[in-house]
Protein backbone atom coordinates (compact mmCIF):
# COMPACT_ATOMS: atom_id res chain seq x y z
CA MET A 1 0.00 0.00 0.00
CA ARG A 2 1.26 3.43 -0.89
CA ASN A 3 1.59 6.03 1.85
CA GLY A 4 2.88 9.05 -0.14
CA PRO A 5 0.85 11.77 -1.79
CA ARG A 6 -1.36 10.68 -4.63
CA ILE A 7 -0.63 11.95 -8.11
CA PRO A 8 -3.75 13.05 -10.01
CA ALA A 9 -4.70 10.97 -13.04
CA THR A 10 -4.27 13.97 -15.32
CA HIS A 11 -0.58 14.17 -14.36
CA GLN A 12 -0.10 10.42 -14.79
CA LEU A 13 -1.58 10.44 -18.27
CA SER A 14 -0.03 13.71 -19.41
CA ILE A 15 3.29 12.24 -20.59
CA PRO A 16 1.82 9.49 -22.83
CA LEU A 17 -0.83 11.90 -24.13
CA GLN A 18 1.81 14.50 -24.97
CA ALA A 19 3.90 11.83 -26.70
CA ALA A 20 0.87 10.70 -28.71
CA ALA A 21 0.17 14.31 -29.70
CA ALA A 22 3.77 14.74 -30.89
CA ILE A 23 3.53 11.52 -32.94
CA ALA A 24 0.25 12.71 -34.45
CA ALA A 25 1.81 16.08 -35.31
CA TRP A 26 4.72 14.31 -37.04
CA ALA A 27 2.28 12.15 -39.01
CA ALA A 28 0.15 15.13 -39.99
CA TRP A 29 3.03 17.34 -41.12
CA LEU A 30 5.76 14.95 -42.30
CA GLY A 31 4.35 11.44 -42.46
CA TRP A 32 2.63 11.69 -45.82
CA ASP A 33 5.52 13.10 -47.91
CA GLN A 34 8.09 10.38 -48.50
CA HIS A 35 9.51 11.09 -51.95
CA ARG A 36 12.52 13.15 -52.94
CA ASP A 37 12.32 15.82 -55.61
CA VAL A 38 14.87 15.46 -58.44
CA HIS A 39 15.81 18.72 -60.13
CA PRO A 40 16.87 19.04 -63.82
CA ASP A 41 20.53 19.32 -62.80
CA GLY A 42 20.34 15.96 -61.03
CA SER A 43 20.32 17.25 -57.45
CA GLU A 44 17.77 15.98 -54.97
CA THR A 45 15.85 17.71 -52.20
CA GLY A 46 13.40 16.47 -49.68
CA PRO A 47 11.57 14.52 -48.63
CA TYR A 48 10.26 17.40 -46.51
CA ALA A 49 9.62 20.96 -47.60
CA ALA A 50 10.53 23.85 -45.34
CA TRP A 51 6.89 24.75 -44.71
CA GLN A 52 6.22 21.23 -43.39
CA VAL A 53 9.05 21.40 -40.87
CA ILE A 54 8.04 24.92 -39.81
CA GLY A 55 4.44 23.75 -39.38
CA LEU A 56 5.59 20.83 -37.24
CA GLY A 57 7.76 23.15 -35.14
CA LEU A 58 4.91 25.59 -34.53
CA THR A 59 2.52 22.75 -33.67
CA LEU A 60 5.00 21.30 -31.18
CA LEU A 61 5.58 24.78 -29.77
CA ALA A 62 1.85 25.13 -29.12
CA LEU A 63 1.60 21.64 -27.59
CA THR A 64 4.59 22.28 -25.33
CA TYR A 65 3.28 25.68 -24.28
CA ARG A 66 -0.13 24.21 -23.42
CA ALA A 67 1.35 21.42 -21.30
CA ALA A 68 3.86 23.66 -19.52
CA SER A 69 1.35 26.41 -18.78
CA ARG A 70 -0.96 23.86 -17.16
CA GLY A 71 1.80 22.65 -14.86
CA HIS A 72 2.63 19.45 -16.74
CA THR A 73 6.33 20.22 -17.05
CA ALA A 74 7.45 16.59 -17.33
CA ALA A 75 4.95 16.01 -20.12
CA ALA A 76 6.04 19.16 -21.93
CA VAL A 77 9.67 18.03 -21.97
CA LEU A 78 9.64 14.23 -21.85
CA GLY A 79 6.39 13.60 -23.70
CA THR A 80 7.25 15.83 -26.62
CA THR A 81 10.80 14.49 -26.85
CA THR A 82 9.70 10.85 -26.61
CA GLY A 83 6.93 11.22 -29.18
CA LEU A 84 9.03 13.10 -31.70
CA THR A 85 11.97 10.71 -31.30
CA ALA A 86 9.75 7.65 -31.72
CA ALA A 87 8.12 9.12 -34.83
CA ALA A 88 11.49 10.00 -36.37
CA TYR A 89 12.88 6.54 -35.59
CA TYR A 90 9.90 4.86 -37.23
CA ASP A 91 9.95 7.16 -40.25
CA TRP A 92 13.71 7.07 -40.87
CA SER A 93 14.49 3.46 -39.92
CA ASP A 94 14.30 2.20 -43.51
CA ASP A 95 17.65 3.84 -44.25
CA ALA A 96 20.01 1.11 -45.43
CA SER A 97 23.18 2.93 -44.35
CA GLY A 98 22.28 2.91 -40.67
CA LEU A 99 23.14 6.58 -40.34
CA PHE A 100 19.54 7.40 -39.49
CA MET A 101 20.36 6.76 -35.81
CA ILE A 102 22.68 9.78 -35.80
CA GLY A 103 19.80 11.92 -37.02
CA VAL A 104 17.41 10.42 -34.49
CA CYS A 105 19.86 11.03 -31.63
CA LEU A 106 20.50 14.61 -32.75
CA LEU A 107 16.74 15.19 -33.03
CA ALA A 108 16.23 13.78 -29.51
CA LEU A 109 18.95 15.99 -28.01
CA THR A 110 17.71 19.09 -29.83
CA THR A 111 14.09 18.46 -28.84
CA LEU A 112 15.05 17.79 -25.22
CA THR A 113 17.07 21.01 -25.07
CA ALA A 114 14.45 23.15 -26.81
CA THR A 115 11.47 21.86 -24.85
CA GLY A 116 13.43 22.09 -21.59
CA ALA A 117 14.36 25.72 -22.25
CA LEU A 118 10.84 26.61 -23.37
CA THR A 119 9.25 24.91 -20.36
CA LEU A 120 11.67 26.66 -18.01
CA ALA A 121 10.86 30.02 -19.58
CA ILE A 122 7.11 29.41 -19.35
CA THR A 123 7.13 28.25 -15.73
CA THR A 124 9.46 31.08 -14.71
CA SER A 125 7.31 33.72 -16.42
CA LYS A 126 4.15 32.31 -14.85
CA ARG A 127 5.70 32.64 -11.38
CA ARG A 128 6.69 36.25 -12.04
CA THR A 129 3.20 37.29 -13.14
CA THR A 130 1.90 37.29 -9.56
CA PRO A 131 2.10 40.89 -8.35
CA PRO A 132 4.44 41.47 -5.42
CA GLU A 133 2.91 42.57 -2.15
CA ASP A 134 3.09 46.26 -1.35
CA PRO A 135 5.61 46.72 1.51
CA ARG A 136 3.99 50.01 2.58
CA PRO A 137 1.63 49.81 5.57
């Protein structure tokens, strides 16, 4: 039997829900475009266009902001990072060279750093918004 404080169900489910939202965002923005564009000079670009990656970034920014502003800091950082890393691993794992793991690891580190900094900024700014008490009698 557990004697410590109980964690609300919303906090327990927030990390897997945030991860699922990040996976869904990846699928919506990047999951459907899997071909490379070949230009007349023989160079290739893709498979993602810049607007797709920017859209994914803004969606993840909104998801992270929502979770962090509601006090779900672990979900904002760990859920987003886990979901995005899992989606990238699944999407890129068909690479025959095996170098996709370098990209996945770099994506995980970048996402962890960015969501951590954003969550810290949000929670710090929310604490500062409470007006200080007036020291005058």
